């Protein structure tokens, strides 16, 4: 989980310098935290999907945002990094040595449609016909990607905060 928060004591010096009201500071802080969280989520999804050769829509439901609100200038982004079923990566194809989906190859596996209608890539556990287990795509490098984004998030927060405070002072005005 990546956590982004704003310390109110840092903002009071900005308030005195720019003659901003507490309400303007709070509104700018909440919007900047929420926009930073949206940026973190989109960057995380984009980079993880690219590193694992997955469609972006596969990771859509694996990101949860805890947005900031009035009186609460903290937010969090949660990323689900558990393995993904191969059916969500695209259309599986059977080949001579196994099965594949996008850039992922599973040796000695086969494509099958279950009685429930679920299409996936499966592999036998032993010599017998059953049991079989569904193959999964493990998200590689996801922790390193999320750590990199977490390091860049404070700079992004400062940039967006400056833009939002400028909006509050010069456009909205009250």
N, C-alpha and C. Protein backbone atom coordinates (compact mmCIF):
# COMPACT_ATOMS: atom_id res chain seq x y z
N UNK A 1 0.84 -1.17 0.00
CA UNK A 1 0.00 0.00 0.00
C UNK A 1 0.89 1.23 0.00
N UNK A 2 0.52 2.22 -0.76
CA UNK A 2 1.23 3.49 -0.82
C UNK A 2 0.39 4.51 -0.08
N UNK A 3 1.00 5.25 0.82
CA UNK A 3 0.28 6.24 1.60
C UNK A 3 0.81 7.62 1.26
N UNK A 4 -0.10 8.56 1.00
CA UNK A 4 0.26 9.93 0.68
C UNK A 4 -0.46 10.83 1.67
N UNK A 5 0.29 11.65 2.41
CA UNK A 5 -0.38 12.56 3.33
C UNK A 5 0.29 13.92 3.31
N UNK A 6 -0.44 14.92 3.81
CA UNK A 6 0.04 16.29 3.84
C UNK A 6 0.12 16.71 5.30
N UNK A 7 1.24 17.28 5.69
CA UNK A 7 1.41 17.76 7.06
C UNK A 7 0.93 19.21 7.12
N UNK A 8 -0.06 19.48 7.98
CA UNK A 8 -0.66 20.81 8.06
C UNK A 8 0.34 21.86 8.53
N UNK A 9 1.33 21.50 9.33
CA UNK A 9 2.29 22.49 9.82
C UNK A 9 3.12 23.08 8.67
N UNK A 10 3.40 22.28 7.66
CA UNK A 10 4.13 22.80 6.49
C UNK A 10 3.29 23.79 5.71
N UNK A 11 2.00 23.60 5.75
CA UNK A 11 1.11 24.44 4.95
C UNK A 11 0.88 25.81 5.57
N UNK A 12 1.05 25.96 6.89
CA UNK A 12 0.81 27.25 7.53
C UNK A 12 1.82 28.30 7.08
N UNK A 13 3.05 27.90 6.79
CA UNK A 13 4.03 28.86 6.29
C UNK A 13 3.63 29.35 4.91
N UNK A 14 3.09 28.45 4.11
CA UNK A 14 2.60 28.84 2.78
C UNK A 14 1.42 29.79 2.93
N UNK A 15 0.56 29.51 3.90
CA UNK A 15 -0.62 30.34 4.14
C UNK A 15 -0.21 31.77 4.48
N UNK A 16 0.77 31.93 5.37
CA UNK A 16 1.21 33.28 5.76
C UNK A 16 1.84 34.01 4.58
N UNK A 17 2.60 33.30 3.77
CA UNK A 17 3.28 33.93 2.64
C UNK A 17 2.29 34.41 1.58
N UNK A 18 1.28 33.61 1.31
CA UNK A 18 0.36 33.92 0.22
C UNK A 18 -0.96 34.53 0.67
N UNK A 19 -1.12 34.77 1.96
CA UNK A 19 -2.37 35.29 2.50
C UNK A 19 -3.56 34.42 2.12
N UNK A 20 -3.38 33.13 2.21
CA UNK A 20 -4.46 32.20 1.91
C UNK A 20 -5.23 31.88 3.19
N UNK A 21 -6.51 31.63 3.05
CA UNK A 21 -7.31 31.26 4.22
C UNK A 21 -7.15 29.77 4.50
N UNK A 22 -7.56 29.36 5.69
CA UNK A 22 -7.49 27.94 6.05
C UNK A 22 -8.36 27.09 5.12
N UNK A 23 -9.49 27.62 4.73
CA UNK A 23 -10.39 26.88 3.84
C UNK A 23 -9.73 26.67 2.47
N UNK A 24 -9.06 27.67 1.97
CA UNK A 24 -8.37 27.54 0.67
C UNK A 24 -7.25 26.51 0.77
N UNK A 25 -6.50 26.55 1.85
CA UNK A 25 -5.42 25.58 2.06
C UNK A 25 -5.98 24.17 2.12
N UNK A 26 -7.06 23.98 2.88
CA UNK A 26 -7.65 22.65 3.02
C UNK A 26 -8.19 22.12 1.70
N UNK A 27 -8.90 22.96 0.97
CA UNK A 27 -9.45 22.52 -0.33
C UNK A 27 -8.34 22.14 -1.29
N UNK A 28 -7.28 22.96 -1.34
CA UNK A 28 -6.15 22.67 -2.22
C UNK A 28 -5.44 21.38 -1.81
N UNK A 29 -5.30 21.18 -0.50
CA UNK A 29 -4.62 19.97 -0.01
C UNK A 29 -5.42 18.72 -0.36
N UNK A 30 -6.73 18.75 -0.15
CA UNK A 30 -7.57 17.57 -0.43
C UNK A 30 -7.53 17.24 -1.92
N UNK A 31 -7.70 18.25 -2.75
CA UNK A 31 -7.67 18.01 -4.20
C UNK A 31 -6.31 17.51 -4.66
N UNK A 32 -5.23 18.08 -4.10
CA UNK A 32 -3.90 17.65 -4.54
C UNK A 32 -3.61 16.21 -4.11
N UNK A 33 -4.04 15.82 -2.90
CA UNK A 33 -3.84 14.43 -2.47
C UNK A 33 -4.63 13.49 -3.37
N UNK A 34 -5.88 13.83 -3.67
CA UNK A 34 -6.71 12.95 -4.52
C UNK A 34 -6.16 12.85 -5.94
N UNK A 35 -5.69 13.95 -6.48
CA UNK A 35 -5.10 13.89 -7.82
C UNK A 35 -3.79 13.11 -7.83
N UNK A 36 -3.02 13.23 -6.77
CA UNK A 36 -1.79 12.45 -6.67
C UNK A 36 -2.10 10.97 -6.57
N UNK A 37 -3.13 10.61 -5.80
CA UNK A 37 -3.53 9.21 -5.70
C UNK A 37 -3.99 8.66 -7.05
N UNK A 38 -4.72 9.45 -7.80
CA UNK A 38 -5.14 9.01 -9.13
C UNK A 38 -3.93 8.80 -10.03
N UNK A 39 -2.95 9.68 -9.92
CA UNK A 39 -1.72 9.54 -10.69
C UNK A 39 -0.97 8.27 -10.29
N UNK A 40 -0.87 8.02 -8.98
CA UNK A 40 -0.20 6.82 -8.48
C UNK A 40 -0.89 5.57 -9.03
N UNK A 41 -2.22 5.55 -8.99
CA UNK A 41 -2.97 4.39 -9.47
C UNK A 41 -2.76 4.17 -10.96
N UNK A 42 -2.85 5.22 -11.74
CA UNK A 42 -2.70 5.05 -13.19
C UNK A 42 -1.27 4.66 -13.56
N UNK A 43 -0.28 5.26 -12.91
CA UNK A 43 1.11 4.89 -13.19
C UNK A 43 1.39 3.46 -12.77
N UNK A 44 0.90 3.06 -11.61
CA UNK A 44 1.11 1.70 -11.14
C UNK A 44 0.50 0.68 -12.08
N UNK A 45 -0.75 0.89 -12.47
CA UNK A 45 -1.41 -0.03 -13.40
C UNK A 45 -0.67 -0.10 -14.73
N UNK A 46 -0.31 1.05 -15.24
CA UNK A 46 0.35 1.11 -16.55
C UNK A 46 1.70 0.40 -16.54
N UNK A 47 2.50 0.66 -15.52
CA UNK A 47 3.84 0.07 -15.47
C UNK A 47 3.81 -1.42 -15.17
N UNK A 48 2.92 -1.85 -14.27
CA UNK A 48 2.82 -3.28 -13.95
C UNK A 48 2.28 -4.05 -15.15
N UNK A 49 1.28 -3.49 -15.83
CA UNK A 49 0.74 -4.16 -17.02
C UNK A 49 1.80 -4.26 -18.11
N UNK A 50 2.57 -3.22 -18.30
CA UNK A 50 3.63 -3.24 -19.32
C UNK A 50 4.73 -4.23 -18.99
N UNK A 51 5.11 -4.32 -17.72
CA UNK A 51 6.18 -5.23 -17.33
C UNK A 51 5.78 -6.69 -17.44
N UNK A 52 4.48 -6.96 -17.35
CA UNK A 52 4.00 -8.34 -17.36
C UNK A 52 3.25 -8.71 -18.64
N UNK A 53 3.30 -7.85 -19.64
CA UNK A 53 2.63 -8.07 -20.92
C UNK A 53 1.15 -8.44 -20.71
N UNK A 54 0.44 -7.57 -20.01
CA UNK A 54 -0.98 -7.76 -19.74
C UNK A 54 -1.76 -6.57 -20.27
N UNK A 55 -3.03 -6.79 -20.64
CA UNK A 55 -3.85 -5.63 -21.00
C UNK A 55 -4.13 -4.78 -19.76
N UNK A 56 -4.23 -3.49 -19.95
CA UNK A 56 -4.43 -2.57 -18.83
C UNK A 56 -5.72 -2.86 -18.08
N UNK A 57 -6.75 -3.28 -18.77
CA UNK A 57 -8.04 -3.54 -18.12
C UNK A 57 -7.98 -4.70 -17.14
N UNK A 58 -6.98 -5.57 -17.27
CA UNK A 58 -6.82 -6.70 -16.34
C UNK A 58 -6.58 -6.21 -14.92
N UNK A 59 -5.90 -5.10 -14.77
CA UNK A 59 -5.53 -4.60 -13.45
C UNK A 59 -6.49 -3.54 -12.91
N UNK A 60 -7.57 -3.28 -13.63
CA UNK A 60 -8.49 -2.22 -13.23
C UNK A 60 -9.08 -2.47 -11.84
N UNK A 61 -9.53 -3.66 -11.57
CA UNK A 61 -10.13 -3.97 -10.29
C UNK A 61 -9.14 -4.28 -9.19
N UNK A 62 -7.87 -4.19 -9.47
CA UNK A 62 -6.84 -4.52 -8.48
C UNK A 62 -6.23 -3.29 -7.83
N UNK A 63 -6.88 -2.15 -7.99
CA UNK A 63 -6.39 -0.92 -7.36
C UNK A 63 -7.55 -0.31 -6.58
N UNK A 64 -7.31 -0.02 -5.31
CA UNK A 64 -8.30 0.62 -4.47
C UNK A 64 -7.70 1.90 -3.91
N UNK A 65 -8.48 2.98 -3.97
CA UNK A 65 -8.00 4.27 -3.48
C UNK A 65 -8.80 4.68 -2.25
N UNK A 66 -8.10 5.11 -1.22
CA UNK A 66 -8.73 5.73 -0.06
C UNK A 66 -8.52 7.22 -0.20
N UNK A 67 -9.54 7.90 -0.67
CA UNK A 67 -9.39 9.31 -1.02
C UNK A 67 -9.45 10.21 0.22
N UNK A 68 -8.87 11.38 0.08
CA UNK A 68 -8.90 12.40 1.12
C UNK A 68 -10.25 13.12 1.05
N UNK A 69 -10.63 13.73 2.16
CA UNK A 69 -11.87 14.50 2.20
C UNK A 69 -11.67 15.69 3.12
N UNK A 70 -12.68 16.51 3.25
CA UNK A 70 -12.57 17.70 4.10
C UNK A 70 -12.24 17.28 5.53
N UNK A 71 -11.20 17.85 6.09
CA UNK A 71 -10.78 17.52 7.44
C UNK A 71 -9.87 16.31 7.52
N UNK A 72 -9.66 15.62 6.43
CA UNK A 72 -8.79 14.44 6.42
C UNK A 72 -7.91 14.50 5.17
N UNK A 73 -6.69 14.96 5.35
CA UNK A 73 -5.80 15.14 4.20
C UNK A 73 -4.85 13.97 4.04
N UNK A 74 -5.37 12.76 4.24
CA UNK A 74 -4.58 11.55 4.02
C UNK A 74 -5.29 10.69 3.00
N UNK A 75 -4.50 9.99 2.24
CA UNK A 75 -5.05 9.07 1.27
C UNK A 75 -4.14 7.87 1.12
N UNK A 76 -4.68 6.81 0.55
CA UNK A 76 -3.87 5.61 0.36
C UNK A 76 -4.27 4.94 -0.95
N UNK A 77 -3.33 4.21 -1.52
CA UNK A 77 -3.57 3.43 -2.73
C UNK A 77 -3.14 2.00 -2.44
N UNK A 78 -4.04 1.06 -2.69
CA UNK A 78 -3.77 -0.35 -2.48
C UNK A 78 -3.73 -1.04 -3.84
N UNK A 79 -2.71 -1.86 -4.06
CA UNK A 79 -2.56 -2.62 -5.30
C UNK A 79 -2.60 -4.10 -4.99
N UNK A 80 -3.46 -4.84 -5.67
CA UNK A 80 -3.49 -6.29 -5.54
C UNK A 80 -2.44 -6.90 -6.44
N UNK A 81 -1.52 -7.65 -5.86
CA UNK A 81 -0.41 -8.20 -6.65
C UNK A 81 -0.41 -9.72 -6.67
N UNK A 82 -1.54 -10.34 -6.34
CA UNK A 82 -1.62 -11.80 -6.40
C UNK A 82 -1.64 -12.24 -7.86
N UNK A 83 -1.33 -13.49 -8.14
CA UNK A 83 -1.34 -13.98 -9.53
C UNK A 83 -2.71 -13.83 -10.20
N UNK A 84 -2.68 -13.70 -11.52
CA UNK A 84 -3.90 -13.49 -12.32
C UNK A 84 -4.19 -14.74 -13.13
N UNK A 85 -5.46 -15.11 -13.22
CA UNK A 85 -5.84 -16.24 -14.06
C UNK A 85 -5.52 -15.91 -15.51
N UNK A 86 -5.08 -16.92 -16.24
CA UNK A 86 -4.66 -16.70 -17.63
C UNK A 86 -5.80 -16.24 -18.52
N UNK A 87 -7.02 -16.59 -18.19
CA UNK A 87 -8.15 -16.19 -19.01
C UNK A 87 -8.33 -14.68 -19.06
N UNK A 88 -7.89 -13.97 -18.03
CA UNK A 88 -8.03 -12.52 -18.00
C UNK A 88 -6.98 -11.81 -18.84
N UNK A 89 -5.95 -12.51 -19.26
CA UNK A 89 -4.88 -11.90 -20.04
C UNK A 89 -5.19 -11.84 -21.53
N UNK A 90 -6.14 -12.61 -21.99
CA UNK A 90 -6.48 -12.64 -23.41
C UNK A 90 -7.00 -14.01 -23.81
N UNK A 91 -7.02 -14.27 -25.09
CA UNK A 91 -7.50 -15.55 -25.60
C UNK A 91 -6.38 -16.58 -25.55
N UNK A 92 -6.58 -17.66 -24.80
CA UNK A 92 -5.54 -18.68 -24.74
C UNK A 92 -5.48 -19.50 -26.02
N UNK A 93 -4.28 -19.90 -26.41
CA UNK A 93 -4.08 -20.70 -27.62
C UNK A 93 -3.34 -21.98 -27.27
N UNK A 94 -3.79 -23.07 -27.88
CA UNK A 94 -3.13 -24.35 -27.70
C UNK A 94 -2.02 -24.48 -28.73
N UNK A 95 -0.86 -24.93 -28.29
CA UNK A 95 0.24 -25.18 -29.22
C UNK A 95 0.74 -26.60 -28.96
N UNK A 96 1.73 -27.02 -29.73
CA UNK A 96 2.20 -28.40 -29.63
C UNK A 96 2.80 -28.71 -28.26
N UNK A 97 3.62 -27.84 -27.73
CA UNK A 97 4.31 -28.11 -26.48
C UNK A 97 3.58 -27.63 -25.24
N UNK A 98 2.43 -27.00 -25.39
CA UNK A 98 1.70 -26.47 -24.24
C UNK A 98 0.66 -25.47 -24.67
N UNK A 99 0.41 -24.50 -23.84
CA UNK A 99 -0.58 -23.46 -24.12
C UNK A 99 0.05 -22.10 -23.88
N UNK A 100 -0.49 -21.10 -24.57
CA UNK A 100 0.06 -19.75 -24.40
C UNK A 100 -1.06 -18.73 -24.45
N UNK A 101 -0.77 -17.61 -23.81
CA UNK A 101 -1.66 -16.45 -23.83
C UNK A 101 -0.75 -15.23 -23.83
N UNK A 102 -0.98 -14.34 -24.79
CA UNK A 102 -0.11 -13.19 -25.00
C UNK A 102 1.35 -13.63 -25.03
N UNK A 103 2.22 -13.14 -24.16
CA UNK A 103 3.63 -13.53 -24.18
C UNK A 103 3.98 -14.60 -23.17
N UNK A 104 2.98 -15.25 -22.59
CA UNK A 104 3.22 -16.23 -21.54
C UNK A 104 2.99 -17.63 -22.08
N UNK A 105 3.99 -18.50 -21.89
CA UNK A 105 3.89 -19.88 -22.37
C UNK A 105 3.89 -20.82 -21.18
N UNK A 106 3.01 -21.82 -21.20
CA UNK A 106 2.89 -22.80 -20.13
C UNK A 106 3.14 -24.18 -20.73
N UNK A 107 4.33 -24.75 -20.52
CA UNK A 107 4.65 -26.05 -21.11
C UNK A 107 3.78 -27.16 -20.52
N UNK A 108 3.41 -28.11 -21.38
CA UNK A 108 2.61 -29.28 -21.01
C UNK A 108 1.24 -28.91 -20.44
N UNK A 109 0.74 -27.75 -20.77
CA UNK A 109 -0.58 -27.32 -20.32
C UNK A 109 -1.55 -27.40 -21.49
N UNK A 110 -2.83 -27.29 -21.19
CA UNK A 110 -3.84 -27.36 -22.24
C UNK A 110 -4.94 -26.34 -21.98
N UNK A 111 -5.59 -25.94 -23.06
CA UNK A 111 -6.71 -25.01 -22.99
C UNK A 111 -7.98 -25.82 -22.87
N UNK A 112 -8.82 -25.45 -21.92
CA UNK A 112 -10.08 -26.18 -21.72
C UNK A 112 -11.17 -25.22 -21.27
N UNK A 113 -12.40 -25.60 -21.60
CA UNK A 113 -13.56 -24.87 -21.11
C UNK A 113 -14.23 -25.74 -20.06
N UNK A 114 -14.39 -25.21 -18.88
CA UNK A 114 -15.00 -25.94 -17.78
C UNK A 114 -16.51 -26.02 -17.97
N UNK A 115 -17.19 -26.94 -17.28
CA UNK A 115 -18.64 -27.04 -17.41
C UNK A 115 -19.38 -25.75 -17.05
N UNK A 116 -18.75 -24.91 -16.25
CA UNK A 116 -19.37 -23.63 -15.89
C UNK A 116 -19.22 -22.58 -16.99
N UNK A 117 -18.45 -22.90 -18.03
CA UNK A 117 -18.23 -21.97 -19.14
C UNK A 117 -16.91 -21.22 -19.05
N UNK A 118 -16.16 -21.41 -17.99
CA UNK A 118 -14.88 -20.72 -17.80
C UNK A 118 -13.82 -21.33 -18.72
N UNK A 119 -13.18 -20.48 -19.51
CA UNK A 119 -12.11 -20.91 -20.41
C UNK A 119 -10.78 -20.54 -19.77
N UNK A 120 -9.86 -21.47 -19.74
CA UNK A 120 -8.57 -21.19 -19.11
C UNK A 120 -7.51 -22.16 -19.55
N UNK A 121 -6.33 -21.99 -19.00
CA UNK A 121 -5.20 -22.88 -19.25
C UNK A 121 -5.01 -23.72 -17.99
N UNK A 122 -4.96 -25.04 -18.18
CA UNK A 122 -4.87 -25.97 -17.06
C UNK A 122 -3.70 -26.91 -17.26
N UNK A 123 -3.27 -27.52 -16.16
CA UNK A 123 -2.17 -28.47 -16.19
C UNK A 123 -2.48 -29.59 -15.21
N UNK A 124 -2.15 -30.80 -15.61
CA UNK A 124 -2.38 -31.94 -14.73
C UNK A 124 -1.32 -31.95 -13.63
N UNK A 125 -1.75 -32.33 -12.43
CA UNK A 125 -0.81 -32.37 -11.30
C UNK A 125 0.05 -33.62 -11.31
N UNK A 126 -0.45 -34.70 -11.86
CA UNK A 126 0.32 -35.94 -11.86
C UNK A 126 0.08 -36.70 -13.15
N UNK A 127 0.23 -38.02 -13.09
CA UNK A 127 0.04 -38.85 -14.28
C UNK A 127 -1.44 -39.11 -14.55
N UNK A 128 -2.26 -39.05 -13.52
CA UNK A 128 -3.68 -39.33 -13.68
C UNK A 128 -4.39 -38.20 -14.42
N UNK A 129 -5.60 -38.50 -14.88
CA UNK A 129 -6.38 -37.54 -15.64
C UNK A 129 -6.78 -36.36 -14.76
N UNK A 130 -7.12 -36.63 -13.53
CA UNK A 130 -7.46 -35.60 -12.57
C UNK A 130 -6.56 -35.77 -11.36
N UNK A 131 -6.25 -34.81 -10.59
CA UNK A 131 -6.72 -33.43 -10.59
C UNK A 131 -5.91 -32.54 -11.54
N UNK A 132 -6.53 -31.45 -11.90
CA UNK A 132 -5.86 -30.43 -12.72
C UNK A 132 -5.88 -29.13 -11.94
N UNK A 133 -4.96 -28.26 -12.29
CA UNK A 133 -4.94 -26.94 -11.64
C UNK A 133 -4.82 -25.87 -12.72
N UNK A 134 -5.50 -24.76 -12.46
CA UNK A 134 -5.46 -23.65 -13.41
C UNK A 134 -4.14 -22.91 -13.29
N UNK A 135 -3.58 -22.55 -14.42
CA UNK A 135 -2.30 -21.83 -14.45
C UNK A 135 -2.55 -20.34 -14.23
N UNK A 136 -1.61 -19.71 -13.56
CA UNK A 136 -1.72 -18.30 -13.21
C UNK A 136 -0.53 -17.53 -13.74
N UNK A 137 -0.74 -16.25 -13.95
CA UNK A 137 0.34 -15.35 -14.36
C UNK A 137 0.78 -14.57 -13.12
N UNK A 138 2.03 -14.73 -12.73
CA UNK A 138 2.56 -14.04 -11.56
C UNK A 138 3.04 -12.66 -11.98
N UNK A 139 2.68 -11.65 -11.22
CA UNK A 139 3.06 -10.27 -11.53
C UNK A 139 4.50 -10.04 -11.09
N UNK A 140 5.40 -10.01 -12.09
CA UNK A 140 6.81 -9.81 -11.82
C UNK A 140 7.09 -8.32 -11.59
N UNK A 141 8.06 -8.05 -10.78
CA UNK A 141 8.57 -6.70 -10.56
C UNK A 141 7.55 -5.72 -10.02
N UNK A 142 6.41 -6.20 -9.55
CA UNK A 142 5.38 -5.27 -9.10
C UNK A 142 5.83 -4.49 -7.86
N UNK A 143 6.51 -5.13 -6.93
CA UNK A 143 6.95 -4.43 -5.73
C UNK A 143 7.99 -3.36 -6.05
N UNK A 144 8.91 -3.66 -6.95
CA UNK A 144 9.91 -2.66 -7.34
C UNK A 144 9.26 -1.47 -8.05
N UNK A 145 8.27 -1.75 -8.88
CA UNK A 145 7.56 -0.68 -9.58
C UNK A 145 6.82 0.20 -8.58
N UNK A 146 6.12 -0.42 -7.63
CA UNK A 146 5.37 0.35 -6.64
C UNK A 146 6.30 1.14 -5.72
N UNK A 147 7.45 0.60 -5.39
CA UNK A 147 8.42 1.34 -4.58
C UNK A 147 8.93 2.57 -5.32
N UNK A 148 9.17 2.43 -6.61
CA UNK A 148 9.63 3.56 -7.43
C UNK A 148 8.56 4.65 -7.49
N UNK A 149 7.32 4.26 -7.66
CA UNK A 149 6.23 5.23 -7.71
C UNK A 149 6.08 5.92 -6.36
N UNK A 150 6.22 5.17 -5.28
CA UNK A 150 6.12 5.75 -3.94
C UNK A 150 7.21 6.80 -3.71
N UNK A 151 8.39 6.59 -4.29
CA UNK A 151 9.47 7.57 -4.15
C UNK A 151 9.17 8.85 -4.94
N UNK A 152 8.48 8.70 -6.08
CA UNK A 152 8.17 9.86 -6.91
C UNK A 152 6.90 10.60 -6.49
N UNK A 153 6.07 9.98 -5.65
CA UNK A 153 4.78 10.56 -5.27
C UNK A 153 4.91 11.89 -4.51
N UNK A 154 5.84 12.05 -3.56
CA UNK A 154 5.93 13.34 -2.86
C UNK A 154 6.25 14.52 -3.79
N UNK A 155 7.12 14.32 -4.77
CA UNK A 155 7.41 15.40 -5.73
C UNK A 155 6.16 15.74 -6.55
N UNK A 156 5.46 14.70 -6.96
CA UNK A 156 4.23 14.92 -7.73
C UNK A 156 3.19 15.65 -6.87
N UNK A 157 3.11 15.28 -5.59
CA UNK A 157 2.18 15.94 -4.67
C UNK A 157 2.50 17.42 -4.54
N UNK A 158 3.78 17.77 -4.39
CA UNK A 158 4.17 19.17 -4.28
C UNK A 158 3.82 19.96 -5.54
N UNK A 159 4.05 19.36 -6.70
CA UNK A 159 3.72 20.03 -7.96
C UNK A 159 2.23 20.29 -8.06
N UNK A 160 1.43 19.28 -7.78
CA UNK A 160 -0.02 19.43 -7.89
C UNK A 160 -0.54 20.38 -6.82
N UNK A 161 0.06 20.34 -5.63
CA UNK A 161 -0.38 21.24 -4.56
C UNK A 161 -0.15 22.70 -4.97
N UNK A 162 0.99 22.98 -5.57
CA UNK A 162 1.25 24.35 -6.03
C UNK A 162 0.21 24.78 -7.07
N UNK A 163 -0.15 23.88 -7.98
CA UNK A 163 -1.16 24.20 -8.99
C UNK A 163 -2.52 24.44 -8.35
N UNK A 164 -2.88 23.59 -7.40
CA UNK A 164 -4.20 23.72 -6.75
C UNK A 164 -4.28 24.98 -5.89
N UNK A 165 -3.20 25.31 -5.20
CA UNK A 165 -3.20 26.54 -4.41
C UNK A 165 -3.28 27.76 -5.32
N UNK A 166 -2.60 27.73 -6.44
CA UNK A 166 -2.71 28.80 -7.42
C UNK A 166 -4.15 28.94 -7.90
N UNK A 167 -4.82 27.83 -8.14
CA UNK A 167 -6.22 27.86 -8.57
C UNK A 167 -7.08 28.50 -7.47
N UNK A 168 -6.88 28.09 -6.23
CA UNK A 168 -7.67 28.62 -5.12
C UNK A 168 -7.49 30.13 -4.97
N UNK A 169 -6.28 30.60 -5.12
CA UNK A 169 -6.00 32.02 -4.90
C UNK A 169 -6.38 32.90 -6.09
N UNK A 170 -6.13 32.41 -7.31
CA UNK A 170 -6.29 33.28 -8.47
C UNK A 170 -7.54 33.02 -9.29
N UNK A 171 -8.15 31.87 -9.19
CA UNK A 171 -9.32 31.58 -9.99
C UNK A 171 -10.56 31.53 -9.13
N UNK A 172 -10.55 30.68 -8.13
CA UNK A 172 -11.73 30.53 -7.28
C UNK A 172 -11.90 31.74 -6.39
N UNK A 173 -10.85 32.13 -5.70
CA UNK A 173 -10.79 33.41 -5.02
C UNK A 173 -11.45 33.54 -3.66
N UNK A 174 -12.18 32.59 -3.17
CA UNK A 174 -12.78 32.76 -1.83
C UNK A 174 -12.69 31.53 -1.00
